[in-house]
Amino acid sequence: MQQWIPFMPEDASTLSGRVDNFYFFLVGLSVFFFTLIAGLEIYFALKYRRQRPDEIPRPVRSAVRLEVVWIVIPFILSMTIFAWGASIYFSMYRMPKDALEIYVVGKQWMWKLQHMEGQREINELHVPVGRKVKLIITTEDVIHSFYVPAFRVKVDAVPGRYTYLWFEATKPGRYHLYCAEYCGTNHSGMIGWVYAMEPADYQAWLGGGAPEESLADSGEKLFQQLACNNCHRAGARDRGPVLDGLFGNPVALDNGQTVLADESYLRESILNSQAKIVAGFQRPSLMPTFQGQISEEQLLQLIAYIKSLSPQAGAGGASPAASPSPPGGSSGTNSQQGNNK
C-alpha cells in the first residue's frame, strides 16, 4: 500500500492488510455517498427550482419502492460494516495460544520490555518474523498507549491492570513504536523501535549477552525471598492454595463465583490479598498485601514463575481472549492468589 500512497505506514504484519482493506472500503463508501448526495442536491436544486414567484409545486405522492430501496440498501451496508469490523476486532484482540509472550511496562516516558528468557529492553523490541507475539502490558504511572503503525495494532496501558496485544510480523525491518496517549510533558519523546528479525537472527540476538536467569527464575528467587513458599507449597494447604497448575484454570471463590487465574488475577491477589478468597480458605486471608512493596517488574517476575508451574497453560499464554480492556471478571483476584502470590 505504501508504494501507491507514500504517507501510509508500511504493511508489515498479518493484520495490516485486513485493516487497510476495511479502512479503504469505508473511505470509498463515504466518497461514493458524498458524491451521490451532493450531486443529487445540486441536480434537484436546479431542476426543481421555482420558475415564477407565484408558482405552486405539484403534490408529491409516496414512492414505496424508493423508500424500500433507501432502507434496505443502507441496512445491508451497515450490517456489512459491522460484521467486517467485528471480524477484524476479534482477530486483533483474541489472543493466540501459541504466541511468544513479552511483558511491557509503560513509564513516563519510556517503554520497558522484558522477554521470558530474561532479556530486557528500553524503547526497543526485538521479535522474530513469522511468529505470533503476545504483549502483556501495564504501566507504573499514567495511561499510555502502545502503538505500532506498521502492524496496525494499538492498545492502552492502564494503571493497575494488564491489557493485551498481539501481532505477527511478516517481513524483517525496523518499525516505529509510539505512545499514542498524551501522558505528560515529554509524551512526544516516548518513542522507540520494533525490530522484526529472521528467526535465526532473532535466536542469535537472544543468545548474545544472554542474562544468567530467565524471568521465571528471577520470580522463583523473589518467591522464596518473600517467604511465599511457606504457604503455597504442597504440604501447606491449610494456609494457602498450591500454585502448581493454577494458571489458566478456573478458581472457585468463597462467595460462590468463579474466576479465571490469568495475569490480572495473579496481580490483584498479590497486591490485595483480601479482594477475593479461594473457596475453602478463611476470610480474611492470611496472606499480607504487597501493595507498594514490590515493583511492576517484580510483579511480572512472580507471575512468570507462577505461570511456569502450569507449563501447558503458561506456554501458550493462557490468558483468555483478551480485549484492549480485559473484562473486570477476568481481572485479578485475591482469593486464590491471595494466597497465591
C-alpha atoms as a PDB file:
ATOM      1  CA  MET A   1       0.000   0.000   0.000  1.00  0.00           C
ATOM      2  CA  GLN A   2       2.876   2.349   0.756  1.00  0.00           C
ATOM      3  CA  GLN A   3       4.073   2.184  -2.848  1.00  0.00           C
ATOM      4  CA  TRP A   4       0.798   3.770  -4.025  1.00  0.00           C
ATOM      5  CA  ILE A   5       0.170   6.045  -1.048  1.00  0.00           C
ATOM      6  CA  PRO A   6       3.546   7.321   0.252  1.00  0.00           C
ATOM      7  CA  PHE A   7       2.189   8.662   3.550  1.00  0.00           C
ATOM      8  CA  MET A   8       0.658   5.298   4.552  1.00  0.00           C
ATOM      9  CA  PRO A   9       2.547   3.255   7.168  1.00  0.00           C
ATOM     10  CA  GLU A  10       4.302   0.169   5.878  1.00  0.00           C
ATOM     11  CA  ASP A  11       2.321  -3.061   5.630  1.00  0.00           C
ATOM     12  CA  ALA A  12       4.335  -5.350   7.899  1.00  0.00           C
ATOM     13  CA  SER A  13       2.001  -7.703   9.780  1.00  0.00           C
ATOM     14  CA  THR A  14      -0.661 -10.299   9.113  1.00  0.00           C
ATOM     15  CA  LEU A  15      -3.304  -7.855  10.367  1.00  0.00           C
ATOM     16  CA  SER A  16      -2.264  -4.733   8.486  1.00  0.00           C
ATOM     17  CA  GLY A  17      -3.687  -5.799   5.114  1.00  0.00           C
ATOM     18  CA  ARG A  18      -7.089  -6.613   6.628  1.00  0.00           C
ATOM     19  CA  VAL A  19      -7.200  -3.293   8.463  1.00  0.00           C
ATOM     20  CA  ASP A  20      -6.212  -1.383   5.315  1.00  0.00           C
ATOM     21  CA  ASN A  21      -8.841  -3.113   3.181  1.00  0.00           C
ATOM     22  CA  PHE A  22     -11.557  -2.252   5.681  1.00  0.00           C
ATOM     23  CA  TYR A  23     -10.330   1.316   6.010  1.00  0.00           C
ATOM     24  CA  PHE A  24     -10.317   1.933   2.274  1.00  0.00           C
ATOM     25  CA  PHE A  25     -13.735   0.319   1.938  1.00  0.00           C
ATOM     26  CA  LEU A  26     -15.067   2.864   4.451  1.00  0.00           C
ATOM     27  CA  VAL A  27     -13.294   5.718   2.679  1.00  0.00           C
ATOM     28  CA  GLY A  28     -14.600   4.587  -0.715  1.00  0.00           C
ATOM     29  CA  LEU A  29     -18.124   4.184   0.616  1.00  0.00           C
ATOM     30  CA  SER A  30     -18.013   7.644   2.179  1.00  0.00           C
ATOM     31  CA  VAL A  31     -16.704   9.243  -1.025  1.00  0.00           C
ATOM     32  CA  PHE A  32     -19.343   7.457  -3.127  1.00  0.00           C
ATOM     33  CA  PHE A  33     -22.273   8.582  -0.983  1.00  0.00           C
ATOM     34  CA  PHE A  34     -20.887  12.083  -0.542  1.00  0.00           C
ATOM     35  CA  THR A  35     -20.604  12.439  -4.313  1.00  0.00           C
ATOM     36  CA  LEU A  36     -24.036  10.886  -4.905  1.00  0.00           C
ATOM     37  CA  ILE A  37     -25.848  13.004  -2.309  1.00  0.00           C
ATOM     38  CA  ALA A  38     -24.082  16.241  -3.208  1.00  0.00           C
ATOM     39  CA  GLY A  39     -24.666  15.613  -6.898  1.00  0.00           C
ATOM     40  CA  LEU A  40     -28.374  14.886  -6.382  1.00  0.00           C
ATOM     41  CA  GLU A  41     -28.761  18.001  -4.241  1.00  0.00           C
ATOM     42  CA  ILE A  42     -27.308  20.176  -6.984  1.00  0.00           C
ATOM     43  CA  TYR A  43     -29.317  18.417  -9.710  1.00  0.00           C
ATOM     44  CA  PHE A  44     -32.648  18.693  -7.856  1.00  0.00           C
ATOM     45  CA  ALA A  45     -31.942  22.287  -6.821  1.00  0.00           C
ATOM     46  CA  LEU A  46     -31.535  23.217 -10.492  1.00  0.00           C
ATOM     47  CA  LYS A  47     -34.264  21.002 -11.927  1.00  0.00           C
ATOM     48  CA  TYR A  48     -36.972  21.880  -9.432  1.00  0.00           C
ATOM     49  CA  ARG A  49     -36.101  25.479  -8.730  1.00  0.00           C
ATOM     50  CA  ARG A  50     -39.028  27.891  -8.637  1.00  0.00           C
ATOM     51  CA  GLN A  51     -39.678  29.316 -12.124  1.00  0.00           C
ATOM     52  CA  ARG A  52     -42.173  32.041 -11.137  1.00  0.00           C
ATOM     53  CA  PRO A  53     -42.871  33.838  -7.848  1.00  0.00           C
ATOM     54  CA  ASP A  54     -46.481  32.582  -7.801  1.00  0.00           C
ATOM     55  CA  GLU A  55     -45.651  29.019  -8.819  1.00  0.00           C
ATOM     56  CA  ILE A  56     -47.260  26.300  -6.686  1.00  0.00           C
ATOM     57  CA  PRO A  57     -45.377  22.943  -6.632  1.00  0.00           C
ATOM     58  CA  ARG A  58     -47.222  19.833  -7.684  1.00  0.00           C
ATOM     59  CA  PRO A  59     -48.209  17.474  -4.858  1.00  0.00           C
ATOM     60  CA  VAL A  60     -45.771  14.603  -4.249  1.00  0.00           C
ATOM     61  CA  ARG A  61     -47.028  11.076  -3.761  1.00  0.00           C
ATOM     62  CA  SER A  62     -45.327   8.451  -1.632  1.00  0.00           C
ATOM     63  CA  ALA A  63     -42.858   6.238  -3.554  1.00  0.00           C
ATOM     64  CA  VAL A  64     -42.895   2.898  -1.761  1.00  0.00           C
ATOM     65  CA  ARG A  65     -40.204   1.321  -3.920  1.00  0.00           C
ATOM     66  CA  LEU A  66     -37.865   4.245  -3.329  1.00  0.00           C
ATOM     67  CA  GLU A  67     -38.450   4.087   0.426  1.00  0.00           C
ATOM     68  CA  VAL A  68     -37.752   0.343   0.449  1.00  0.00           C
ATOM     69  CA  VAL A  69     -34.541   0.882  -1.503  1.00  0.00           C
ATOM     70  CA  TRP A  70     -33.160   3.555   0.797  1.00  0.00           C
ATOM     71  CA  ILE A  71     -33.997   1.479   3.856  1.00  0.00           C
ATOM     72  CA  VAL A  72     -32.762  -1.916   2.642  1.00  0.00           C
ATOM     73  CA  ILE A  73     -29.521  -0.812   0.988  1.00  0.00           C
ATOM     74  CA  PRO A  74     -28.235   1.238   3.974  1.00  0.00           C
ATOM     75  CA  PHE A  75     -29.224  -1.621   6.295  1.00  0.00           C
ATOM     76  CA  ILE A  76     -27.232  -4.129   4.234  1.00  0.00           C
ATOM     77  CA  LEU A  77     -24.253  -1.782   4.093  1.00  0.00           C
ATOM     78  CA  SER A  78     -24.335  -1.079   7.840  1.00  0.00           C
ATOM     79  CA  MET A  79     -24.537  -4.792   8.666  1.00  0.00           C
ATOM     80  CA  THR A  80     -21.644  -5.459   6.286  1.00  0.00           C
ATOM     81  CA  ILE A  81     -19.561  -2.809   8.038  1.00  0.00           C
ATOM     82  CA  PHE A  82     -20.497  -4.227  11.440  1.00  0.00           C
ATOM     83  CA  ALA A  83     -19.672  -7.837  10.530  1.00  0.00           C
ATOM     84  CA  TRP A  84     -16.433  -6.936   8.765  1.00  0.00           C
ATOM     85  CA  GLY A  85     -15.256  -4.649  11.566  1.00  0.00           C
ATOM     86  CA  ALA A  86     -16.223  -7.141  14.281  1.00  0.00           C
ATOM     87  CA  SER A  87     -14.311  -9.890  12.477  1.00  0.00           C
ATOM     88  CA  ILE A  88     -11.148  -7.783  12.414  1.00  0.00           C
ATOM     89  CA  TYR A  89     -11.645  -6.665  16.004  1.00  0.00           C
ATOM     90  CA  PHE A  90     -11.959 -10.201  17.343  1.00  0.00           C
ATOM     91  CA  SER A  91      -8.949 -11.292  15.297  1.00  0.00           C
ATOM     92  CA  MET A  92      -6.902  -8.463  16.790  1.00  0.00           C
ATOM     93  CA  TYR A  93      -7.928  -8.885  20.405  1.00  0.00           C
ATOM     94  CA  ARG A  94      -8.421 -12.634  20.753  1.00  0.00           C
ATOM     95  CA  MET A  95      -5.038 -13.766  21.996  1.00  0.00           C
ATOM     96  CA  PRO A  96      -3.455 -16.733  20.189  1.00  0.00           C
ATOM     97  CA  LYS A  97      -2.465 -19.625  22.429  1.00  0.00           C
ATOM     98  CA  ASP A  98       0.847 -20.376  20.772  1.00  0.00           C
ATOM     99  CA  ALA A  99       2.301 -16.862  20.941  1.00  0.00           C
ATOM    100  CA  LEU A 100       5.702 -15.727  22.163  1.00  0.00           C
ATOM    101  CA  GLU A 101       4.996 -13.734  25.339  1.00  0.00           C
ATOM    102  CA  ILE A 102       6.735 -10.463  26.188  1.00  0.00           C
ATOM    103  CA  TYR A 103       5.966  -8.182  29.123  1.00  0.00           C
ATOM    104  CA  VAL A 104       5.722  -4.412  28.637  1.00  0.00           C
ATOM    105  CA  VAL A 105       5.694  -1.699  31.307  1.00  0.00           C
ATOM    106  CA  GLY A 106       4.989   1.905  30.378  1.00  0.00           C
ATOM    107  CA  LYS A 107       6.549   4.701  32.406  1.00  0.00           C
ATOM    108  CA  GLN A 108       6.940   8.430  31.932  1.00  0.00           C
ATOM    109  CA  TRP A 109       8.441   8.492  29.399  1.00  0.00           C
ATOM    110  CA  MET A 110       9.702   5.140  28.161  1.00  0.00           C
ATOM    111  CA  TRP A 111       8.686   1.594  27.318  1.00  0.00           C
ATOM    112  CA  LYS A 112      10.363  -1.137  29.378  1.00  0.00           C
ATOM    113  CA  LEU A 113      10.126  -4.579  27.811  1.00  0.00           C
ATOM    114  CA  GLN A 114      11.171  -7.957  29.177  1.00  0.00           C
ATOM    115  CA  HIS A 115      11.389 -11.302  27.408  1.00  0.00           C
ATOM    116  CA  MET A 116      10.629 -14.572  29.149  1.00  0.00           C
ATOM    117  CA  GLU A 117      14.263 -15.591  28.619  1.00  0.00           C
ATOM    118  CA  GLY A 118      15.307 -12.619  30.754  1.00  0.00           C
ATOM    119  CA  GLN A 119      16.422 -10.076  28.146  1.00  0.00           C
ATOM    120  CA  ARG A 120      15.390  -6.517  28.959  1.00  0.00           C
ATOM    121  CA  GLU A 121      14.918  -3.654  26.533  1.00  0.00           C
ATOM    122  CA  ILE A 122      14.021   0.025  26.766  1.00  0.00           C
ATOM    123  CA  ASN A 123      12.174   1.644  23.847  1.00  0.00           C
ATOM    124  CA  GLU A 124      13.212  -1.267  21.636  1.00  0.00           C
ATOM    125  CA  LEU A 125      11.543  -4.587  20.933  1.00  0.00           C
ATOM    126  CA  HIS A 126      13.137  -7.450  19.023  1.00  0.00           C
ATOM    127  CA  VAL A 127      10.755 -10.072  17.611  1.00  0.00           C
ATOM    128  CA  PRO A 128      11.032 -12.909  15.085  1.00  0.00           C
ATOM    129  CA  VAL A 129       9.312 -12.746  11.711  1.00  0.00           C
ATOM    130  CA  GLY A 130       6.560 -15.305  11.161  1.00  0.00           C
ATOM    131  CA  ARG A 131       5.928 -15.873  14.876  1.00  0.00           C
ATOM    132  CA  LYS A 132       2.900 -14.648  16.793  1.00  0.00           C
ATOM    133  CA  VAL A 133       3.954 -12.298  19.579  1.00  0.00           C
ATOM    134  CA  LYS A 134       1.722 -11.523  22.566  1.00  0.00           C
ATOM    135  CA  LEU A 135       2.418  -8.447  24.671  1.00  0.00           C
ATOM    136  CA  ILE A 136       1.197  -8.262  28.273  1.00  0.00           C
ATOM    137  CA  ILE A 137       1.104  -4.553  29.054  1.00  0.00           C
ATOM    138  CA  THR A 138       0.744  -2.361  32.135  1.00  0.00           C
ATOM    139  CA  THR A 139       2.016   0.996  33.386  1.00  0.00           C
ATOM    140  CA  GLU A 140       3.690   2.320  36.503  1.00  0.00           C
ATOM    141  CA  ASP A 141       2.037   5.720  36.446  1.00  0.00           C
ATOM    142  CA  VAL A 142      -0.432   7.255  33.977  1.00  0.00           C
ATOM    143  CA  ILE A 143      -2.270   5.833  30.968  1.00  0.00           C
ATOM    144  CA  HIS A 144      -0.059   5.222  27.949  1.00  0.00           C
ATOM    145  CA  SER A 145      -0.901   3.637  24.596  1.00  0.00           C
ATOM    146  CA  PHE A 146       1.327   1.115  22.824  1.00  0.00           C
ATOM    147  CA  TYR A 147       1.089   1.776  19.076  1.00  0.00           C
ATOM    148  CA  VAL A 148       2.966   0.257  16.126  1.00  0.00           C
ATOM    149  CA  PRO A 149       1.546   1.805  12.904  1.00  0.00           C
ATOM    150  CA  ALA A 150       3.236  -0.677  10.564  1.00  0.00           C
ATOM    151  CA  PHE A 151       1.473  -3.542  12.352  1.00  0.00           C
ATOM    152  CA  ARG A 152      -1.848  -1.633  12.687  1.00  0.00           C
ATOM    153  CA  VAL A 153      -2.059  -2.520  16.380  1.00  0.00           C
ATOM    154  CA  LYS A 154      -2.650  -0.271  19.387  1.00  0.00           C
ATOM    155  CA  VAL A 155      -3.784  -0.805  22.966  1.00  0.00           C
ATOM    156  CA  ASP A 156      -3.819   1.333  26.099  1.00  0.00           C
ATOM    157  CA  ALA A 157      -1.536   0.618  29.044  1.00  0.00           C
ATOM    158  CA  VAL A 158      -3.770   1.143  32.092  1.00  0.00           C
ATOM    159  CA  PRO A 159      -2.574   1.568  35.698  1.00  0.00           C
ATOM    160  CA  GLY A 160      -3.427  -1.337  37.967  1.00  0.00           C
ATOM    161  CA  ARG A 161      -4.324  -3.884  35.292  1.00  0.00           C
ATOM    162  CA  TYR A 162      -2.974  -5.797  32.322  1.00  0.00           C
ATOM    163  CA  THR A 163      -4.027  -5.281  28.745  1.00  0.00           C
ATOM    164  CA  TYR A 164      -3.049  -7.475  25.827  1.00  0.00           C
ATOM    165  CA  LEU A 165      -1.952  -7.069  22.239  1.00  0.00           C
ATOM    166  CA  TRP A 166      -0.656  -9.474  19.617  1.00  0.00           C
ATOM    167  CA  PHE A 167       0.839  -9.306  16.147  1.00  0.00           C
ATOM    168  CA  GLU A 168       2.820 -11.357  13.682  1.00  0.00           C
ATOM    169  CA  ALA A 169       5.472  -9.535  11.666  1.00  0.00           C
ATOM    170  CA  THR A 170       5.652 -10.581   8.020  1.00  0.00           C
ATOM    171  CA  LYS A 171       8.967  -9.085   6.942  1.00  0.00           C
ATOM    172  CA  PRO A 172      12.237  -8.019   8.564  1.00  0.00           C
ATOM    173  CA  GLY A 173      12.706  -4.348   9.265  1.00  0.00           C
ATOM    174  CA  ARG A 174      12.701  -1.551  11.801  1.00  0.00           C
ATOM    175  CA  TYR A 175       9.299  -0.070  12.619  1.00  0.00           C
ATOM    176  CA  HIS A 176       8.232   2.914  14.699  1.00  0.00           C
ATOM    177  CA  LEU A 177       6.831   2.404  18.195  1.00  0.00           C
ATOM    178  CA  TYR A 178       4.828   5.268  19.698  1.00  0.00           C
ATOM    179  CA  CYS A 179       2.868   6.205  22.772  1.00  0.00           C
ATOM    180  CA  ALA A 180      -0.483   7.270  21.289  1.00  0.00           C
ATOM    181  CA  GLU A 181      -1.969   8.676  24.512  1.00  0.00           C
ATOM    182  CA  TYR A 182      -0.902  12.069  25.856  1.00  0.00           C
ATOM    183  CA  CYS A 183       0.947  11.177  29.043  1.00  0.00           C
ATOM    184  CA  GLY A 184       2.713  14.323  30.172  1.00  0.00           C
ATOM    185  CA  THR A 185       5.399  16.818  29.296  1.00  0.00           C
ATOM    186  CA  ASN A 186       7.669  14.506  27.315  1.00  0.00           C
ATOM    187  CA  HIS A 187       4.934  12.464  25.668  1.00  0.00           C
ATOM    188  CA  SER A 188       6.301  13.232  22.195  1.00  0.00           C
ATOM    189  CA  GLY A 189       9.618  11.692  23.193  1.00  0.00           C
ATOM    190  CA  MET A 190       8.110   8.371  24.269  1.00  0.00           C
ATOM    191  CA  ILE A 191       9.014   6.625  21.037  1.00  0.00           C
ATOM    192  CA  GLY A 192      11.029   3.594  20.076  1.00  0.00           C
ATOM    193  CA  TRP A 193      11.547   0.869  17.502  1.00  0.00           C
ATOM    194  CA  VAL A 194      10.351  -2.644  16.852  1.00  0.00           C
ATOM    195  CA  TYR A 195      12.960  -4.809  15.132  1.00  0.00           C
ATOM    196  CA  ALA A 196      11.472  -7.700  13.165  1.00  0.00           C
ATOM    197  CA  MET A 197      14.188 -10.273  12.540  1.00  0.00           C
ATOM    198  CA  GLU A 198      14.553 -13.548  10.715  1.00  0.00           C
ATOM    199  CA  PRO A 199      14.137 -16.435  13.184  1.00  0.00           C
ATOM    200  CA  ALA A 200      17.827 -17.369  13.032  1.00  0.00           C
ATOM    201  CA  ASP A 201      18.893 -13.764  13.615  1.00  0.00           C
ATOM    202  CA  TYR A 202      16.438 -13.482  16.490  1.00  0.00           C
ATOM    203  CA  GLN A 203      17.862 -16.607  18.144  1.00  0.00           C
ATOM    204  CA  ALA A 204      21.345 -15.169  17.711  1.00  0.00           C
ATOM    205  CA  TRP A 205      20.177 -11.940  19.317  1.00  0.00           C
ATOM    206  CA  LEU A 206      18.703 -13.869  22.240  1.00  0.00           C
ATOM    207  CA  GLY A 207      21.969 -15.732  22.689  1.00  0.00           C
ATOM    208  CA  GLY A 208      24.160 -12.640  22.522  1.00  0.00           C
ATOM    209  CA  GLY A 209      24.837 -11.445  26.042  1.00  0.00           C
ATOM    210  CA  ALA A 210      22.031 -13.599  27.388  1.00  0.00           C
ATOM    211  CA  PRO A 211      21.148 -12.974  31.036  1.00  0.00           C
ATOM    212  CA  GLU A 212      22.070 -15.510  33.687  1.00  0.00           C
ATOM    213  CA  GLU A 213      18.470 -16.354  34.513  1.00  0.00           C
ATOM    214  CA  SER A 214      15.061 -16.270  32.911  1.00  0.00           C
ATOM    215  CA  LEU A 215      12.132 -14.188  34.091  1.00  0.00           C
ATOM    216  CA  ALA A 216      10.646 -17.241  35.808  1.00  0.00           C
ATOM    217  CA  ASP A 217      13.941 -17.996  37.572  1.00  0.00           C
ATOM    218  CA  SER A 218      14.068 -14.439  38.906  1.00  0.00           C
ATOM    219  CA  GLY A 219      10.475 -14.854  40.046  1.00  0.00           C
ATOM    220  CA  GLU A 220      11.290 -18.075  41.875  1.00  0.00           C
ATOM    221  CA  LYS A 221      14.052 -16.369  43.838  1.00  0.00           C
ATOM    222  CA  LEU A 222      11.753 -13.496  44.729  1.00  0.00           C
ATOM    223  CA  PHE A 223       9.040 -16.008  45.645  1.00  0.00           C
ATOM    224  CA  GLN A 224      11.375 -17.533  48.202  1.00  0.00           C
ATOM    225  CA  GLN A 225      12.695 -14.182  49.459  1.00  0.00           C
ATOM    226  CA  LEU A 226       9.160 -13.046  50.212  1.00  0.00           C
ATOM    227  CA  ALA A 227       8.508 -16.373  52.002  1.00  0.00           C
ATOM    228  CA  CYS A 228       5.641 -17.229  49.659  1.00  0.00           C
ATOM    229  CA  ASN A 229       6.725 -20.865  49.683  1.00  0.00           C
ATOM    230  CA  ASN A 230       5.777 -21.109  53.369  1.00  0.00           C
ATOM    231  CA  CYS A 231       2.080 -21.032  52.481  1.00  0.00           C
ATOM    232  CA  HIS A 232       1.961 -22.212  48.901  1.00  0.00           C
ATOM    233  CA  ARG A 233       3.915 -25.433  48.963  1.00  0.00           C
ATOM    234  CA  ALA A 234       2.216 -28.804  48.565  1.00  0.00           C
ATOM    235  CA  GLY A 235       2.165 -29.519  52.308  1.00  0.00           C
ATOM    236  CA  ALA A 236       0.651 -26.220  53.427  1.00  0.00           C
ATOM    237  CA  ARG A 237      -2.892 -26.355  52.067  1.00  0.00           C
ATOM    238  CA  ASP A 238      -4.278 -25.119  55.353  1.00  0.00           C
ATOM    239  CA  ARG A 239      -2.554 -21.778  54.747  1.00  0.00           C
ATOM    240  CA  GLY A 240      -2.867 -21.093  51.050  1.00  0.00           C
ATOM    241  CA  PRO A 241      -3.651 -22.754  47.719  1.00  0.00           C
ATOM    242  CA  VAL A 242      -0.960 -24.733  45.946  1.00  0.00           C
ATOM    243  CA  LEU A 243       0.126 -22.882  42.807  1.00  0.00           C
ATOM    244  CA  ASP A 244       1.085 -25.844  40.649  1.00  0.00           C
ATOM    245  CA  GLY A 245      -1.331 -25.990  37.711  1.00  0.00           C
ATOM    246  CA  LEU A 246      -3.139 -22.840  38.832  1.00  0.00           C
ATOM    247  CA  PHE A 247      -2.557 -20.505  35.897  1.00  0.00           C
ATOM    248  CA  GLY A 248      -5.097 -20.659  33.108  1.00  0.00           C
ATOM    249  CA  ASN A 249      -7.644 -22.611  35.134  1.00  0.00           C
ATOM    250  CA  PRO A 250     -10.892 -21.548  36.843  1.00  0.00           C
ATOM    251  CA  VAL A 251     -10.777 -20.741  40.548  1.00  0.00           C
ATOM    252  CA  ALA A 252     -13.792 -21.172  42.847  1.00  0.00           C
ATOM    253  CA  LEU A 253     -14.215 -18.354  45.352  1.00  0.00           C
ATOM    254  CA  ASP A 254     -15.765 -18.395  48.799  1.00  0.00           C
ATOM    255  CA  ASN A 255     -18.654 -16.231  47.547  1.00  0.00           C
ATOM    256  CA  GLY A 256     -19.712 -18.865  45.036  1.00  0.00           C
ATOM    257  CA  GLN A 257     -18.236 -17.099  41.999  1.00  0.00           C
ATOM    258  CA  THR A 258     -15.605 -18.496  39.672  1.00  0.00           C
ATOM    259  CA  VAL A 259     -12.778 -16.534  38.065  1.00  0.00           C
ATOM    260  CA  LEU A 260     -10.003 -17.422  35.642  1.00  0.00           C
ATOM    261  CA  ALA A 261      -6.476 -17.455  37.018  1.00  0.00           C
ATOM    262  CA  ASP A 262      -4.865 -15.159  34.455  1.00  0.00           C
ATOM    263  CA  GLU A 263      -2.216 -12.450  34.807  1.00  0.00           C
ATOM    264  CA  SER A 264      -4.686  -9.898  36.137  1.00  0.00           C
ATOM    265  CA  TYR A 265      -5.971 -12.347  38.741  1.00  0.00           C
ATOM    266  CA  LEU A 266      -2.449 -13.068  39.950  1.00  0.00           C
ATOM    267  CA  ARG A 267      -1.616  -9.367  40.064  1.00  0.00           C
ATOM    268  CA  GLU A 268      -4.647  -8.469  42.159  1.00  0.00           C
ATOM    269  CA  SER A 269      -4.114 -11.375  44.512  1.00  0.00           C
ATOM    270  CA  ILE A 270      -0.519 -10.360  45.175  1.00  0.00           C
ATOM    271  CA  LEU A 271      -1.283  -6.686  45.741  1.00  0.00           C
ATOM    272  CA  ASN A 272      -4.614  -7.039  47.524  1.00  0.00           C
ATOM    273  CA  SER A 273      -4.923 -10.381  49.254  1.00  0.00           C
ATOM    274  CA  GLN A 274      -8.399  -9.597  50.613  1.00  0.00           C
ATOM    275  CA  ALA A 275     -10.001  -8.889  47.234  1.00  0.00           C
ATOM    276  CA  LYS A 276     -11.226 -12.428  46.639  1.00  0.00           C
ATOM    277  CA  ILE A 277     -10.742 -15.504  48.778  1.00  0.00           C
ATOM    278  CA  VAL A 278     -10.490 -19.010  47.395  1.00  0.00           C
ATOM    279  CA  ALA A 279     -13.225 -21.399  48.472  1.00  0.00           C
ATOM    280  CA  GLY A 280     -12.109 -23.455  51.450  1.00  0.00           C
ATOM    281  CA  PHE A 281      -9.792 -20.813  52.910  1.00  0.00           C
ATOM    282  CA  GLN A 282     -10.557 -18.485  55.769  1.00  0.00           C
ATOM    283  CA  ARG A 283     -11.561 -14.854  55.429  1.00  0.00           C
ATOM    284  CA  PRO A 284      -9.722 -12.612  55.949  1.00  0.00           C
ATOM    285  CA  SER A 285      -6.852 -14.151  54.036  1.00  0.00           C
ATOM    286  CA  LEU A 286      -3.681 -14.949  55.940  1.00  0.00           C
ATOM    287  CA  MET A 287      -1.629 -13.535  53.099  1.00  0.00           C
ATOM    288  CA  PRO A 288      -0.255  -9.995  53.625  1.00  0.00           C
ATOM    289  CA  THR A 289      -0.633  -7.340  50.974  1.00  0.00           C
ATOM    290  CA  PHE A 290       2.374  -6.458  48.835  1.00  0.00           C
ATOM    291  CA  GLN A 291       0.950  -3.183  47.534  1.00  0.00           C
ATOM    292  CA  GLY A 292       3.791  -0.653  47.419  1.00  0.00           C
ATOM    293  CA  GLN A 293       6.368  -3.250  48.465  1.00  0.00           C
ATOM    294  CA  ILE A 294       7.243  -4.693  45.060  1.00  0.00           C
ATOM    295  CA  SER A 295       7.722  -3.037  41.673  1.00  0.00           C
ATOM    296  CA  GLU A 296       5.925  -3.768  38.420  1.00  0.00           C
ATOM    297  CA  GLU A 297       8.969  -5.691  37.218  1.00  0.00           C
ATOM    298  CA  GLN A 298       8.958  -7.844  40.343  1.00  0.00           C
ATOM    299  CA  LEU A 299       5.243  -8.482  39.877  1.00  0.00           C
ATOM    300  CA  LEU A 300       5.956  -9.712  36.376  1.00  0.00           C
ATOM    301  CA  GLN A 301       8.704 -11.973  37.688  1.00  0.00           C
ATOM    302  CA  LEU A 302       6.359 -13.540  40.240  1.00  0.00           C
ATOM    303  CA  ILE A 303       3.660 -14.018  37.622  1.00  0.00           C
ATOM    304  CA  ALA A 304       6.136 -15.574  35.203  1.00  0.00           C
ATOM    305  CA  TYR A 305       7.202 -18.029  37.904  1.00  0.00           C
ATOM    306  CA  ILE A 306       3.618 -18.986  38.765  1.00  0.00           C
ATOM    307  CA  LYS A 307       2.890 -19.461  35.058  1.00  0.00           C
ATOM    308  CA  SER A 308       5.916 -21.730  34.786  1.00  0.00           C
ATOM    309  CA  LEU A 309       4.240 -24.036  37.329  1.00  0.00           C
ATOM    310  CA  SER A 310       1.499 -24.635  34.765  1.00  0.00           C
ATOM    311  CA  PRO A 311       3.549 -25.480  31.648  1.00  0.00           C
ATOM    312  CA  GLN A 312       0.608 -26.227  29.359  1.00  0.00           C
ATOM    313  CA  ALA A 313      -1.222 -23.020  30.225  1.00  0.00           C
ATOM    314  CA  GLY A 314       1.777 -20.740  30.542  1.00  0.00           C
ATOM    315  CA  ALA A 315       3.416 -21.809  27.315  1.00  0.00           C
ATOM    316  CA  GLY A 316       0.559 -20.629  25.223  1.00  0.00           C
ATOM    317  CA  GLY A 317      -0.310 -17.503  27.073  1.00  0.00           C
ATOM    318  CA  ALA A 318      -3.235 -18.867  28.872  1.00  0.00           C
ATOM    319  CA  SER A 319      -4.954 -15.626  29.363  1.00  0.00           C
ATOM    320  CA  PRO A 320      -8.252 -15.614  27.597  1.00  0.00           C
ATOM    321  CA  ALA A 321      -9.137 -13.755  24.510  1.00  0.00           C
ATOM    322  CA  ALA A 322      -8.117 -10.510  25.973  1.00  0.00           C
ATOM    323  CA  SER A 323      -9.686  -7.360  24.747  1.00  0.00           C
ATOM    324  CA  PRO A 324      -7.997  -3.960  24.744  1.00  0.00           C
ATOM    325  CA  SER A 325      -9.552  -3.571  28.146  1.00  0.00           C
ATOM    326  CA  PRO A 326      -9.880  -7.045  29.680  1.00  0.00           C
ATOM    327  CA  PRO A 327     -13.280  -7.594  31.294  1.00  0.00           C
ATOM    328  CA  GLY A 328     -13.393  -6.979  35.012  1.00  0.00           C
ATOM    329  CA  GLY A 329     -14.452 -10.558  35.570  1.00  0.00           C
ATOM    330  CA  SER A 330     -11.188 -11.932  34.284  1.00  0.00           C
ATOM    331  CA  SER A 331      -9.152  -9.412  36.145  1.00  0.00           C
ATOM    332  CA  GLY A 332      -7.235 -10.423  39.175  1.00  0.00           C
ATOM    333  CA  THR A 333      -8.402 -11.689  42.431  1.00  0.00           C
ATOM    334  CA  ASN A 334      -7.038 -12.353  45.630  1.00  0.00           C
ATOM    335  CA  SER A 335      -8.601 -15.380  46.729  1.00  0.00           C
ATOM    336  CA  GLN A 336      -6.544 -17.947  45.342  1.00  0.00           C
ATOM    337  CA  GLN A 337      -3.640 -15.867  44.664  1.00  0.00           C
ATOM    338  CA  GLY A 338      -4.331 -14.097  47.704  1.00  0.00           C
ATOM    339  CA  ASN A 339      -2.647 -16.916  48.974  1.00  0.00           C
ATOM    340  CA  ASN A 340      -1.092 -17.212  45.743  1.00  0.00           C
ATOM    341  CA  LYS A 341       1.382 -14.734  45.003  1.00  0.00           C
END
